[in-house]
């Protein structure tokens, strides 16, 4: 799979944010994390996403992390930068800055705030139009329950047709495969990248629906490649077999350890010094952590031996 030319396809896992035990940014650990993820076969990377704990970062920390990681990657793989913000101006400014620093794409959720503040459909369309007008790189719309905003397949297809840079879609809502299938049918060639998300828990069904990319957690890109590569090469049987092998670990990440998963695995493998979450996010229960490591060790992922 080509990692440098559009359309972007393959496995683009989310890079976790690495903290010290006291909650400070660990930039050396962050760079080792990135190096591992590239060595593990990531087609590309996504930074500053929800699975990066972007919601516990200050604006200055966010900028520092973006500058540090884009410079460290140094075009080895394409990098997607999450630039979500309720403010149209702030999102456009973030997206322009990401582009200037070398981002291949930005990922943006529809504008929302808290549990009740939402924007009507016309405002959502104008929001993405203005962000698109500010940049020249693709926009991936993240369609996820956390925004509390219903984005119908017809609306997403319309924006793909009418807004120049809206061309990638990360679908991680219930019945994601059905929505991907409808989106592709309605949007046609305007849908450059229909992608799977949600830690690959629905990956096989989403690939069957036409997904060409997967944005997963960052702990085992080598495992996700074993599913996606053969599928995109036309060997569904090999993909199904690989999915069956990796599903217990995928499920444990999706249902048990969540955002902490990649850091737990990276600390266990000696890649980073601390798997700490930043307060008030709690670390998983020790039994959940042990269950995760048990599932991982049965598969021998690179994360457990890269630093050896």
Protein backbone atom coordinates (compact mmCIF):
# COMPACT_ATOMS: atom_id res chain seq x y z
CA UNK A 1 0.00 0.00 0.00
CA UNK A 2 1.30 3.42 -0.94
CA UNK A 3 1.63 5.66 2.10
CA UNK A 4 2.51 8.93 0.41
CA UNK A 5 0.10 9.41 -2.48
CA UNK A 6 -3.63 10.07 -2.51
CA UNK A 7 -5.98 8.44 -2.11
CA UNK A 8 -4.72 7.53 1.34
CA UNK A 9 -5.50 3.92 2.20
CA UNK A 10 -4.46 1.45 4.86
CA UNK A 11 -3.86 1.72 8.60
CA UNK A 12 -3.54 5.17 10.20
CA UNK A 13 -3.58 4.57 13.97
CA UNK A 14 -3.99 7.29 16.57
CA UNK A 15 -0.81 8.31 18.40
CA UNK A 16 -1.31 8.39 22.18
CA UNK A 17 0.00 11.33 24.18
CA UNK A 18 2.79 10.25 26.49
CA UNK A 19 2.95 11.72 29.99
CA UNK A 20 5.30 11.30 32.92
CA UNK A 21 3.97 9.81 36.15
CA UNK A 22 3.46 13.37 37.40
CA UNK A 23 1.41 14.33 34.35
CA UNK A 24 3.93 16.35 32.34
CA UNK A 25 4.49 15.83 28.61
CA UNK A 26 7.24 13.28 27.91
CA UNK A 27 8.56 14.41 24.53
CA UNK A 28 11.34 11.81 24.40
CA UNK A 29 8.79 9.09 25.08
CA UNK A 30 6.51 10.65 22.49
CA UNK A 31 9.18 10.37 19.82
CA UNK A 32 9.89 6.74 20.72
CA UNK A 33 6.18 6.04 20.51
CA UNK A 34 6.05 7.53 17.00
CA UNK A 35 9.15 5.61 15.90
CA UNK A 36 7.64 2.35 17.11
CA UNK A 37 4.33 3.00 15.36
CA UNK A 38 6.09 3.66 12.06
CA UNK A 39 8.30 0.57 12.45
CA UNK A 40 5.18 -1.47 13.26
CA UNK A 41 3.82 -0.77 9.80
CA UNK A 42 1.55 2.23 10.20
CA UNK A 43 0.65 3.47 6.74
CA UNK A 44 0.22 6.88 8.34
CA UNK A 45 -0.50 8.41 11.74
CA UNK A 46 -3.19 10.54 13.35
CA UNK A 47 -2.27 12.90 16.18
CA UNK A 48 -4.21 14.93 18.74
CA UNK A 49 -7.37 12.84 18.42
CA UNK A 50 -9.72 11.86 21.23
CA UNK A 51 -7.68 8.67 21.67
CA UNK A 52 -4.69 11.00 22.13
CA UNK A 53 -6.44 12.53 25.16
CA UNK A 54 -6.59 15.83 23.28
CA UNK A 55 -9.23 17.04 25.75
CA UNK A 56 -6.70 17.17 28.63
CA UNK A 57 -4.14 19.27 26.71
CA UNK A 58 -3.65 23.01 26.92
CA UNK A 59 -3.48 24.98 23.68
CA UNK A 60 0.26 25.47 24.16
CA UNK A 61 0.81 21.75 24.76
CA UNK A 62 -1.24 20.93 21.70
CA UNK A 63 0.91 23.21 19.56
CA UNK A 64 4.13 21.81 21.03
CA UNK A 65 3.04 18.23 20.37
CA UNK A 66 2.01 19.01 16.80
CA UNK A 67 5.30 20.75 16.05
CA UNK A 68 7.36 18.05 17.76
CA UNK A 69 5.68 15.07 16.11
CA UNK A 70 5.44 16.49 12.60
CA UNK A 71 9.12 17.44 12.73
CA UNK A 72 10.08 14.03 14.11
CA UNK A 73 8.05 12.07 11.54
CA UNK A 74 9.80 14.14 8.86
CA UNK A 75 7.58 12.88 6.04
CA UNK A 76 8.32 9.20 6.72
CA UNK A 77 4.54 8.64 6.64
CA UNK A 78 1.59 11.00 6.12
CA UNK A 79 0.20 12.51 9.30
CA UNK A 80 -3.41 13.48 9.98
CA UNK A 81 -3.82 16.23 12.57
CA UNK A 82 -7.07 16.51 14.50
CA UNK A 83 -8.10 20.18 14.54
CA UNK A 84 -11.62 19.95 15.98
CA UNK A 85 -12.93 23.10 17.67
CA UNK A 86 -16.41 24.56 18.14
CA UNK A 87 -15.27 27.88 16.72
CA UNK A 88 -15.09 27.98 12.93
CA UNK A 89 -12.27 30.53 13.09
CA UNK A 90 -10.28 28.49 15.62
CA UNK A 91 -10.73 25.26 13.63
CA UNK A 92 -9.68 26.99 10.41
CA UNK A 93 -6.63 28.52 12.12
CA UNK A 94 -5.63 25.17 13.63
CA UNK A 95 -6.06 23.47 10.26
CA UNK A 96 -3.99 26.08 8.44
CA UNK A 97 -1.22 25.76 11.02
CA UNK A 98 -1.25 21.96 10.68
CA UNK A 99 -0.99 22.28 6.91
CA UNK A 100 1.90 24.73 7.20
CA UNK A 101 3.78 22.28 9.42
CA UNK A 102 3.37 19.43 6.95
CA UNK A 103 0.12 17.65 7.81
CA UNK A 104 -1.28 15.50 5.01
CA UNK A 105 -4.87 15.88 6.22
CA UNK A 106 -6.92 17.30 9.06
CA UNK A 107 -9.63 15.44 10.95
CA UNK A 108 -12.56 17.49 12.23
CA UNK A 109 -15.75 16.73 14.13
CA UNK A 110 -18.88 18.82 13.60
CA UNK A 111 -19.07 21.78 16.01
CA UNK A 112 -20.47 20.84 19.42
CA UNK A 113 -20.00 21.85 23.03
CA UNK A 114 -21.02 19.98 26.13
CA UNK A 115 -24.20 17.93 26.23
CA UNK A 116 -26.59 20.44 24.69
CA UNK A 117 -24.94 23.02 22.43
CA UNK A 118 -25.27 21.93 18.79
CA UNK A 119 -25.34 23.58 15.39
CA UNK A 120 -28.12 23.07 12.81
CA UNK A 121 -27.39 21.44 9.47
CA UNK A 122 -26.94 24.71 7.57
CA UNK A 123 -24.38 25.84 10.14
CA UNK A 124 -22.50 22.54 9.89
CA UNK A 125 -22.22 22.89 6.12
CA UNK A 126 -20.99 26.47 6.42
CA UNK A 127 -18.51 25.44 9.13
CA UNK A 128 -16.87 22.82 6.90
CA UNK A 129 -16.99 25.14 3.89
CA UNK A 130 -15.06 27.83 5.77
CA UNK A 131 -12.51 25.36 7.10
CA UNK A 132 -12.05 24.00 3.57
CA UNK A 133 -11.57 27.51 2.20
CA UNK A 134 -8.70 28.03 4.65
CA UNK A 135 -6.57 25.05 3.51
CA UNK A 136 -5.53 22.99 0.52
CA UNK A 137 -5.31 19.53 2.11
CA UNK A 138 -8.12 17.00 2.61
CA UNK A 139 -10.57 17.15 5.50
CA UNK A 140 -11.71 13.96 7.19
CA UNK A 141 -15.07 14.33 8.91
CA UNK A 142 -15.16 12.27 12.08
CA UNK A 143 -18.68 10.92 12.54
CA UNK A 144 -18.73 9.68 16.12
CA UNK A 145 -21.27 9.59 18.96
CA UNK A 146 -19.15 11.84 21.18
CA UNK A 147 -20.25 14.90 19.18
CA UNK A 148 -23.92 14.18 19.83
CA UNK A 149 -24.56 15.39 16.29
CA UNK A 150 -26.44 13.30 13.75
CA UNK A 151 -24.71 13.45 10.36
CA UNK A 152 -26.87 11.65 7.83
CA UNK A 153 -25.29 9.86 4.89
CA UNK A 154 -27.06 12.23 2.45
CA UNK A 155 -25.60 15.24 4.32
CA UNK A 156 -22.08 13.79 4.29
CA UNK A 157 -22.36 12.92 0.59
CA UNK A 158 -23.62 16.42 -0.17
CA UNK A 159 -20.65 18.01 1.59
CA UNK A 160 -18.28 15.70 -0.28
CA UNK A 161 -19.76 16.83 -3.58
CA UNK A 162 -20.01 20.54 -2.78
CA UNK A 163 -17.03 21.33 -0.49
CA UNK A 164 -13.66 21.05 -2.21
CA UNK A 165 -11.54 19.47 0.52
CA UNK A 166 -14.16 17.35 2.28
CA UNK A 167 -13.31 13.91 0.94
CA UNK A 168 -12.55 11.50 3.81
CA UNK A 169 -14.97 10.13 6.38
CA UNK A 170 -14.26 8.21 9.58
CA UNK A 171 -17.51 6.46 10.43
CA UNK A 172 -17.78 5.08 13.97
CA UNK A 173 -21.47 5.19 14.79
CA UNK A 174 -23.83 2.24 15.31
CA UNK A 175 -24.42 0.35 12.07
CA UNK A 176 -21.25 1.89 10.63
CA UNK A 177 -21.06 -0.58 7.75
CA UNK A 178 -24.56 0.28 6.53
CA UNK A 179 -23.75 3.99 6.71
CA UNK A 180 -20.48 3.53 4.84
CA UNK A 181 -22.26 1.58 2.12
CA UNK A 182 -24.92 4.27 1.72
CA UNK A 183 -22.34 7.06 1.79
CA UNK A 184 -20.35 5.42 -1.00
CA UNK A 185 -23.50 4.86 -3.06
CA UNK A 186 -24.63 8.48 -2.67
CA UNK A 187 -21.26 10.20 -2.92
CA UNK A 188 -19.57 8.20 -5.65
CA UNK A 189 -16.15 9.47 -6.64
CA UNK A 190 -16.43 12.40 -4.21
CA UNK A 191 -15.89 9.91 -1.36
CA UNK A 192 -12.12 9.58 -1.67
CA UNK A 193 -11.69 7.84 1.67
CA UNK A 194 -14.44 5.90 3.44
CA UNK A 195 -12.76 4.78 6.67
CA UNK A 196 -13.38 2.52 9.63
CA UNK A 197 -12.79 3.68 13.22
CA UNK A 198 -13.72 2.69 16.77
CA UNK A 199 -10.59 0.60 17.40
CA UNK A 200 -11.43 -1.75 14.49
CA UNK A 201 -14.24 -3.46 16.40
CA UNK A 202 -16.35 -3.36 13.20
CA UNK A 203 -13.41 -3.54 10.79
CA UNK A 204 -14.37 -6.62 8.81
CA UNK A 205 -17.95 -5.49 8.23
CA UNK A 206 -16.69 -2.02 7.31
CA UNK A 207 -14.22 -3.44 4.79
CA UNK A 208 -17.05 -5.48 3.30
CA UNK A 209 -19.02 -2.23 3.00
CA UNK A 210 -16.21 -0.57 1.05
CA UNK A 211 -13.93 1.00 3.67
CA UNK A 212 -10.41 1.60 2.37
CA UNK A 213 -8.78 2.86 5.56
CA UNK A 214 -8.76 2.10 9.26
CA UNK A 215 -8.03 4.51 12.09
CA UNK A 216 -7.42 2.41 15.17
CA UNK A 217 -5.55 2.56 18.45
CA UNK A 218 -1.77 2.79 18.26
CA UNK A 219 -0.68 -0.37 20.09
CA UNK A 220 -0.59 -2.95 17.31
CA UNK A 221 -0.59 -1.54 13.77
CA UNK A 222 1.21 -4.70 12.67
CA UNK A 223 -1.84 -6.73 13.68
CA UNK A 224 -4.32 -4.46 11.92
CA UNK A 225 -2.16 -4.58 8.79
CA UNK A 226 -2.58 -8.37 8.80
CA UNK A 227 -6.31 -7.77 8.30
CA UNK A 228 -6.37 -4.74 6.03
CA UNK A 229 -3.54 -5.63 3.65
CA UNK A 230 -4.93 -8.93 2.40
CA UNK A 231 -8.45 -7.55 2.23
CA UNK A 232 -7.43 -4.62 0.02
CA UNK A 233 -5.36 -7.04 -2.08
CA UNK A 234 -8.45 -9.15 -2.73
CA UNK A 235 -7.82 -12.00 -0.27
CA UNK A 236 -10.85 -11.81 2.01
CA UNK A 237 -10.28 -15.27 3.45
CA UNK A 238 -6.86 -14.30 4.79
CA UNK A 239 -8.35 -11.11 6.22
CA UNK A 240 -11.13 -13.04 7.94
CA UNK A 241 -8.62 -15.45 9.48
CA UNK A 242 -6.45 -12.57 10.73
CA UNK A 243 -9.47 -10.74 12.11
CA UNK A 244 -10.40 -13.84 14.07
CA UNK A 245 -6.90 -14.01 15.59
CA UNK A 246 -6.75 -10.36 16.60
CA UNK A 247 -10.38 -9.86 17.63
CA UNK A 248 -9.91 -10.73 21.35
CA UNK A 249 -7.28 -7.98 21.65
CA UNK A 250 -9.36 -5.55 19.58
CA UNK A 251 -12.37 -6.27 21.76
CA UNK A 252 -10.39 -5.78 24.98
CA UNK A 253 -9.20 -2.40 23.75
CA UNK A 254 -12.66 -1.32 22.61
CA UNK A 255 -14.60 -2.57 25.64
CA UNK A 256 -12.16 -2.67 28.56
CA UNK A 257 -9.00 -0.56 28.48
CA UNK A 258 -9.96 2.00 25.84
CA UNK A 259 -7.72 5.04 25.51
CA UNK A 260 -5.14 3.55 27.89
CA UNK A 261 -4.54 0.45 25.74
CA UNK A 262 -1.69 1.64 23.52
CA UNK A 263 0.22 3.15 26.43
CA UNK A 264 -0.16 0.03 28.57
CA UNK A 265 1.27 -2.08 25.74
CA UNK A 266 4.07 0.39 25.02
CA UNK A 267 5.12 0.55 28.66
CA UNK A 268 5.04 -3.25 28.94
CA UNK A 269 7.32 -3.42 25.90
CA UNK A 270 9.76 -0.84 27.27
CA UNK A 271 9.00 1.79 24.64
CA UNK A 272 7.82 4.41 27.13
CA UNK A 273 8.53 4.87 30.83
CA UNK A 274 4.98 5.61 31.97
CA UNK A 275 1.51 4.64 30.82
CA UNK A 276 -0.09 7.31 33.01
CA UNK A 277 -3.34 8.92 32.00
CA UNK A 278 -3.71 12.59 32.82
CA UNK A 279 -6.13 13.37 35.65
CA UNK A 280 -9.10 13.22 35.86
CA UNK A 281 -8.96 10.25 33.47
CA UNK A 282 -8.44 7.10 35.51
CA UNK A 283 -6.13 4.23 34.64
CA UNK A 284 -7.87 0.89 34.01
CA UNK A 285 -8.32 -1.60 36.84
CA UNK A 286 -5.27 -3.88 37.28
CA UNK A 287 -7.35 -6.91 36.32
CA UNK A 288 -8.36 -5.23 33.06
CA UNK A 289 -4.70 -4.37 32.44
CA UNK A 290 -3.68 -7.98 33.05
CA UNK A 291 -6.38 -9.20 30.69
CA UNK A 292 -5.14 -6.86 27.99
CA UNK A 293 -1.57 -8.08 28.33
CA UNK A 294 -2.70 -11.70 28.31
CA UNK A 295 -4.57 -11.15 25.05
CA UNK A 296 -1.59 -9.34 23.54
CA UNK A 297 1.06 -11.87 24.55
CA UNK A 298 -0.85 -14.62 22.76
CA UNK A 299 -0.27 -12.72 19.49
CA UNK A 300 3.37 -11.61 19.87
CA UNK A 301 2.82 -8.06 18.58
CA UNK A 302 5.86 -5.92 17.84
CA UNK A 303 4.97 -3.53 20.66
CA UNK A 304 6.13 -6.11 23.23
CA UNK A 305 9.56 -6.66 21.66
CA UNK A 306 10.44 -3.52 19.63
CA UNK A 307 12.53 -2.02 22.44
CA UNK A 308 14.36 -5.26 23.29
